[in-house]
Amino acid sequence: MAVTSREIRSPRRVSSIAVPASTFSNTAYLVTGLLAILALYVLVSAVISWGQVIVDDWRYGRPRTFHLTAEVGRAEEKVGPTRLIAMNLDRQVLILEIPGGDVSKTRALVGPYLVGANEDLTPIVMRLADLNSDALPDLIVGIKNEEIVYLNRGDSFGLVTAEERQQIARQMSGQ
């Protein structure tokens, strides 16, 4: 039997697997939409990250620097208040204490080394609070979501010892 074009194109012939064309087009639209949303998310995240770096550049400069001026109980403060300068120098945290504004008596506190991508752009912030109730403000250094406490020893700042940490914890829980 010979096959003619009329028999192949016959409307009576029905395929056993019939999938509506709209199913394929709906799936294609869904996948395209999800890819577009993912691309938009990546783009917006990159723009926000770039914007945060720009804002930190305006606020802290490069290298990241933060300063604080206060009276912390130094003998040299008869001339003026003590200046504290925190810097992130290529991932190394450095804090300079200039008692009474006298640069000849500058002391350096070496902080932690920051590890990770773009940590050289992490800002270092400081605040003062009397944690051990000795009437001298202690230095609290903030790096991301962590804080390092330097207790005021009267003539300089020093890291908290284990005993002092327990004493501060007891005082805080008693309040």
C-alpha atoms as a PDB file:
ATOM      1  CA  MET A   1       0.000   0.000   0.000  1.00  0.00           C
ATOM      2  CA  ALA A   2       1.298   3.335  -0.932  1.00  0.00           C
ATOM      3  CA  VAL A   3       1.147   6.326   1.381  1.00  0.00           C
ATOM      4  CA  THR A   4      -0.201   9.470  -0.078  1.00  0.00           C
ATOM      5  CA  SER A   5       0.019  12.956   1.281  1.00  0.00           C
ATOM      6  CA  ARG A   6      -3.674  12.972   1.777  1.00  0.00           C
ATOM      7  CA  GLU A   7      -3.506  10.115   4.262  1.00  0.00           C
ATOM      8  CA  ILE A   8      -0.689  11.694   6.345  1.00  0.00           C
ATOM      9  CA  ARG A   9      -2.443  15.020   6.632  1.00  0.00           C
ATOM     10  CA  SER A  10      -5.751  13.491   7.416  1.00  0.00           C
ATOM     11  CA  PRO A  11      -7.532  15.115  10.390  1.00  0.00           C
ATOM     12  CA  ARG A  12      -8.805  11.721  11.498  1.00  0.00           C
ATOM     13  CA  ARG A  13      -5.355  10.682  12.710  1.00  0.00           C
ATOM     14  CA  VAL A  14      -4.915  11.475  16.445  1.00  0.00           C
ATOM     15  CA  SER A  15      -1.649  11.133  18.375  1.00  0.00           C
ATOM     16  CA  SER A  16      -1.731   8.890  21.406  1.00  0.00           C
ATOM     17  CA  ILE A  17       0.298  11.408  23.477  1.00  0.00           C
ATOM     18  CA  ALA A  18      -1.394  14.740  23.264  1.00  0.00           C
ATOM     19  CA  VAL A  19       0.113  17.560  25.330  1.00  0.00           C
ATOM     20  CA  PRO A  20      -1.446  20.956  25.011  1.00  0.00           C
ATOM     21  CA  ALA A  21       0.944  23.597  23.727  1.00  0.00           C
ATOM     22  CA  SER A  22      -0.047  25.916  26.579  1.00  0.00           C
ATOM     23  CA  THR A  23       1.657  23.602  29.136  1.00  0.00           C
ATOM     24  CA  PHE A  24       5.036  24.074  27.495  1.00  0.00           C
ATOM     25  CA  SER A  25       4.597  27.813  27.169  1.00  0.00           C
ATOM     26  CA  ASN A  26       3.466  28.179  30.815  1.00  0.00           C
ATOM     27  CA  THR A  27       6.500  26.233  32.022  1.00  0.00           C
ATOM     28  CA  ALA A  28       8.804  28.309  29.842  1.00  0.00           C
ATOM     29  CA  TYR A  29       7.293  31.524  31.240  1.00  0.00           C
ATOM     30  CA  LEU A  30       7.663  30.226  34.796  1.00  0.00           C
ATOM     31  CA  VAL A  31      11.320  29.238  34.346  1.00  0.00           C
ATOM     32  CA  THR A  32      12.112  32.517  32.580  1.00  0.00           C
ATOM     33  CA  GLY A  33      10.400  34.472  35.363  1.00  0.00           C
ATOM     34  CA  LEU A  34      12.333  32.633  38.079  1.00  0.00           C
ATOM     35  CA  LEU A  35      15.632  33.218  36.274  1.00  0.00           C
ATOM     36  CA  ALA A  36      14.768  36.906  35.890  1.00  0.00           C
ATOM     37  CA  ILE A  37      13.978  37.172  39.622  1.00  0.00           C
ATOM     38  CA  LEU A  38      17.274  35.442  40.478  1.00  0.00           C
ATOM     39  CA  ALA A  39      19.219  37.783  38.190  1.00  0.00           C
ATOM     40  CA  LEU A  40      17.450  40.796  39.719  1.00  0.00           C
ATOM     41  CA  TYR A  41      18.271  39.557  43.249  1.00  0.00           C
ATOM     42  CA  VAL A  42      21.968  39.150  42.370  1.00  0.00           C
ATOM     43  CA  LEU A  43      22.052  42.597  40.766  1.00  0.00           C
ATOM     44  CA  VAL A  44      20.302  44.319  43.693  1.00  0.00           C
ATOM     45  CA  SER A  45      22.586  42.552  46.207  1.00  0.00           C
ATOM     46  CA  ALA A  46      25.674  43.714  44.334  1.00  0.00           C
ATOM     47  CA  VAL A  47      24.399  47.309  44.182  1.00  0.00           C
ATOM     48  CA  ILE A  48      23.561  47.329  47.912  1.00  0.00           C
ATOM     49  CA  SER A  49      26.988  45.905  48.792  1.00  0.00           C
ATOM     50  CA  TRP A  50      28.710  48.491  46.605  1.00  0.00           C
ATOM     51  CA  GLY A  51      26.595  51.252  48.171  1.00  0.00           C
ATOM     52  CA  GLN A  52      27.555  50.114  51.695  1.00  0.00           C
ATOM     53  CA  VAL A  53      31.250  50.320  50.784  1.00  0.00           C
ATOM     54  CA  ILE A  54      30.719  53.851  49.435  1.00  0.00           C
ATOM     55  CA  VAL A  55      28.883  54.937  52.610  1.00  0.00           C
ATOM     56  CA  ASP A  56      31.663  53.437  54.767  1.00  0.00           C
ATOM     57  CA  ASP A  57      34.231  55.283  52.619  1.00  0.00           C
ATOM     58  CA  TRP A  58      32.462  58.573  53.384  1.00  0.00           C
ATOM     59  CA  ARG A  59      32.049  57.790  57.064  1.00  0.00           C
ATOM     60  CA  TYR A  60      35.371  56.074  57.944  1.00  0.00           C
ATOM     61  CA  GLY A  61      37.699  56.767  54.997  1.00  0.00           C
ATOM     62  CA  ARG A  62      40.445  54.465  53.733  1.00  0.00           C
ATOM     63  CA  PRO A  63      42.056  52.989  55.729  1.00  0.00           C
ATOM     64  CA  ARG A  64      39.033  52.677  57.983  1.00  0.00           C
ATOM     65  CA  THR A  65      39.493  55.121  60.881  1.00  0.00           C
ATOM     66  CA  PHE A  66      37.332  56.075  63.857  1.00  0.00           C
ATOM     67  CA  HIS A  67      38.207  58.575  66.567  1.00  0.00           C
ATOM     68  CA  LEU A  68      36.869  59.395  69.993  1.00  0.00           C
ATOM     69  CA  THR A  69      37.688  62.319  72.271  1.00  0.00           C
ATOM     70  CA  ALA A  70      36.939  62.020  75.990  1.00  0.00           C
ATOM     71  CA  GLU A  71      38.324  62.444  79.461  1.00  0.00           C
ATOM     72  CA  VAL A  72      39.349  58.988  80.658  1.00  0.00           C
ATOM     73  CA  GLY A  73      41.197  59.898  83.869  1.00  0.00           C
ATOM     74  CA  ARG A  74      44.764  60.476  82.680  1.00  0.00           C
ATOM     75  CA  ALA A  75      47.132  62.871  84.446  1.00  0.00           C
ATOM     76  CA  GLU A  76      47.904  64.528  81.110  1.00  0.00           C
ATOM     77  CA  GLU A  77      44.281  65.635  80.689  1.00  0.00           C
ATOM     78  CA  LYS A  78      44.993  68.982  82.386  1.00  0.00           C
ATOM     79  CA  VAL A  79      45.842  70.280  78.915  1.00  0.00           C
ATOM     80  CA  GLY A  80      42.921  68.651  77.089  1.00  0.00           C
ATOM     81  CA  PRO A  81      40.951  65.444  76.666  1.00  0.00           C
ATOM     82  CA  THR A  82      42.425  62.126  75.572  1.00  0.00           C
ATOM     83  CA  ARG A  83      42.080  61.196  71.932  1.00  0.00           C
ATOM     84  CA  LEU A  84      41.521  57.593  70.883  1.00  0.00           C
ATOM     85  CA  ILE A  85      41.985  56.632  67.242  1.00  0.00           C
ATOM     86  CA  ALA A  86      41.055  53.168  65.958  1.00  0.00           C
ATOM     87  CA  MET A  87      42.331  52.087  62.561  1.00  0.00           C
ATOM     88  CA  ASN A  88      42.015  49.035  60.356  1.00  0.00           C
ATOM     89  CA  LEU A  89      45.427  48.969  58.691  1.00  0.00           C
ATOM     90  CA  ASP A  90      45.301  46.184  56.090  1.00  0.00           C
ATOM     91  CA  ARG A  91      43.275  43.927  58.418  1.00  0.00           C
ATOM     92  CA  GLN A  92      45.333  44.736  61.543  1.00  0.00           C
ATOM     93  CA  VAL A  93      43.371  46.626  64.207  1.00  0.00           C
ATOM     94  CA  LEU A  94      45.415  49.379  65.840  1.00  0.00           C
ATOM     95  CA  ILE A  95      44.231  51.790  68.530  1.00  0.00           C
ATOM     96  CA  LEU A  96      46.238  54.904  69.353  1.00  0.00           C
ATOM     97  CA  GLU A  97      45.743  56.632  72.697  1.00  0.00           C
ATOM     98  CA  ILE A  98      46.952  60.232  72.851  1.00  0.00           C
ATOM     99  CA  PRO A  99      46.593  61.248  76.532  1.00  0.00           C
ATOM    100  CA  GLY A 100      45.683  64.902  76.976  1.00  0.00           C
ATOM    101  CA  GLY A 101      46.339  65.506  73.305  1.00  0.00           C
ATOM    102  CA  ASP A 102      50.114  65.203  73.926  1.00  0.00           C
ATOM    103  CA  VAL A 103      51.376  63.223  70.919  1.00  0.00           C
ATOM    104  CA  SER A 104      54.770  62.631  72.568  1.00  0.00           C
ATOM    105  CA  LYS A 105      53.018  60.258  75.012  1.00  0.00           C
ATOM    106  CA  THR A 106      51.096  58.267  72.415  1.00  0.00           C
ATOM    107  CA  ARG A 107      50.384  54.635  73.324  1.00  0.00           C
ATOM    108  CA  ALA A 108      49.419  51.905  70.883  1.00  0.00           C
ATOM    109  CA  LEU A 109      47.030  49.033  71.560  1.00  0.00           C
ATOM    110  CA  VAL A 110      47.368  46.253  69.018  1.00  0.00           C
ATOM    111  CA  GLY A 111      44.053  44.587  68.339  1.00  0.00           C
ATOM    112  CA  PRO A 112      43.180  41.430  66.451  1.00  0.00           C
ATOM    113  CA  TYR A 113      44.075  40.583  62.882  1.00  0.00           C
ATOM    114  CA  LEU A 114      40.940  40.345  60.728  1.00  0.00           C
ATOM    115  CA  VAL A 115      40.715  37.288  58.487  1.00  0.00           C
ATOM    116  CA  GLY A 116      38.441  37.001  55.473  1.00  0.00           C
ATOM    117  CA  ALA A 117      37.558  38.581  52.170  1.00  0.00           C
ATOM    118  CA  ASN A 118      37.435  42.401  52.171  1.00  0.00           C
ATOM    119  CA  GLU A 119      38.170  42.609  55.909  1.00  0.00           C
ATOM    120  CA  ASP A 120      40.473  45.530  55.151  1.00  0.00           C
ATOM    121  CA  LEU A 121      37.247  47.509  54.615  1.00  0.00           C
ATOM    122  CA  THR A 122      35.675  46.581  57.976  1.00  0.00           C
ATOM    123  CA  PRO A 123      35.114  49.681  60.139  1.00  0.00           C
ATOM    124  CA  ILE A 124      36.287  49.674  63.762  1.00  0.00           C
ATOM    125  CA  VAL A 125      34.119  51.613  66.232  1.00  0.00           C
ATOM    126  CA  MET A 126      34.685  52.490  69.889  1.00  0.00           C
ATOM    127  CA  ARG A 127      32.657  53.559  72.873  1.00  0.00           C
ATOM    128  CA  LEU A 128      33.372  54.210  76.539  1.00  0.00           C
ATOM    129  CA  ALA A 129      31.500  52.720  79.492  1.00  0.00           C
ATOM    130  CA  ASP A 130      32.391  51.990  83.112  1.00  0.00           C
ATOM    131  CA  LEU A 131      32.089  48.205  83.200  1.00  0.00           C
ATOM    132  CA  ASN A 132      33.939  47.427  86.455  1.00  0.00           C
ATOM    133  CA  SER A 133      32.452  50.275  88.541  1.00  0.00           C
ATOM    134  CA  ASP A 134      35.774  51.977  89.307  1.00  0.00           C
ATOM    135  CA  ALA A 135      34.613  55.437  88.104  1.00  0.00           C
ATOM    136  CA  LEU A 136      36.969  55.242  85.082  1.00  0.00           C
ATOM    137  CA  PRO A 137      35.504  54.733  81.605  1.00  0.00           C
ATOM    138  CA  ASP A 138      36.588  51.487  79.937  1.00  0.00           C
ATOM    139  CA  LEU A 139      37.170  51.189  76.204  1.00  0.00           C
ATOM    140  CA  ILE A 140      34.856  48.923  74.199  1.00  0.00           C
ATOM    141  CA  VAL A 141      35.997  48.275  70.628  1.00  0.00           C
ATOM    142  CA  GLY A 142      33.356  47.047  68.161  1.00  0.00           C
ATOM    143  CA  ILE A 143      34.352  44.991  65.138  1.00  0.00           C
ATOM    144  CA  LYS A 144      31.341  43.780  63.139  1.00  0.00           C
ATOM    145  CA  ASN A 145      29.115  42.055  65.728  1.00  0.00           C
ATOM    146  CA  GLU A 146      31.823  41.500  68.341  1.00  0.00           C
ATOM    147  CA  GLU A 147      33.160  43.694  71.117  1.00  0.00           C
ATOM    148  CA  ILE A 148      36.601  43.687  72.741  1.00  0.00           C
ATOM    149  CA  VAL A 149      36.876  45.235  76.206  1.00  0.00           C
ATOM    150  CA  TYR A 150      39.954  47.146  77.354  1.00  0.00           C
ATOM    151  CA  LEU A 151      39.712  48.055  81.034  1.00  0.00           C
ATOM    152  CA  ASN A 152      40.970  51.444  82.165  1.00  0.00           C
ATOM    153  CA  ARG A 153      43.881  50.768  84.526  1.00  0.00           C
ATOM    154  CA  GLY A 154      44.356  54.453  85.420  1.00  0.00           C
ATOM    155  CA  ASP A 155      47.388  55.085  83.239  1.00  0.00           C
ATOM    156  CA  SER A 156      46.542  52.879  80.235  1.00  0.00           C
ATOM    157  CA  PHE A 157      43.984  50.488  78.787  1.00  0.00           C
ATOM    158  CA  GLY A 158      44.478  46.735  79.026  1.00  0.00           C
ATOM    159  CA  LEU A 159      42.620  43.619  77.956  1.00  0.00           C
ATOM    160  CA  VAL A 160      40.247  42.018  80.444  1.00  0.00           C
ATOM    161  CA  THR A 161      41.641  39.083  82.440  1.00  0.00           C
ATOM    162  CA  ALA A 162      39.562  35.986  83.224  1.00  0.00           C
ATOM    163  CA  GLU A 163      39.005  37.083  86.845  1.00  0.00           C
ATOM    164  CA  GLU A 164      37.933  40.564  85.770  1.00  0.00           C
ATOM    165  CA  ARG A 165      35.556  39.090  83.211  1.00  0.00           C
ATOM    166  CA  GLN A 166      33.879  36.977  85.909  1.00  0.00           C
ATOM    167  CA  GLN A 167      33.638  39.996  88.221  1.00  0.00           C
ATOM    168  CA  ILE A 168      32.054  42.113  85.451  1.00  0.00           C
ATOM    169  CA  ALA A 169      29.609  39.295  84.631  1.00  0.00           C
ATOM    170  CA  ARG A 170      28.573  39.077  88.298  1.00  0.00           C
ATOM    171  CA  GLN A 171      28.060  42.849  88.454  1.00  0.00           C
ATOM    172  CA  MET A 172      26.001  42.833  85.245  1.00  0.00           C
ATOM    173  CA  SER A 173      23.791  39.961  86.404  1.00  0.00           C
ATOM    174  CA  GLY A 174      23.240  41.648  89.788  1.00  0.00           C
ATOM    175  CA  GLN A 175      21.874  44.806  88.121  1.00  0.00           C
END
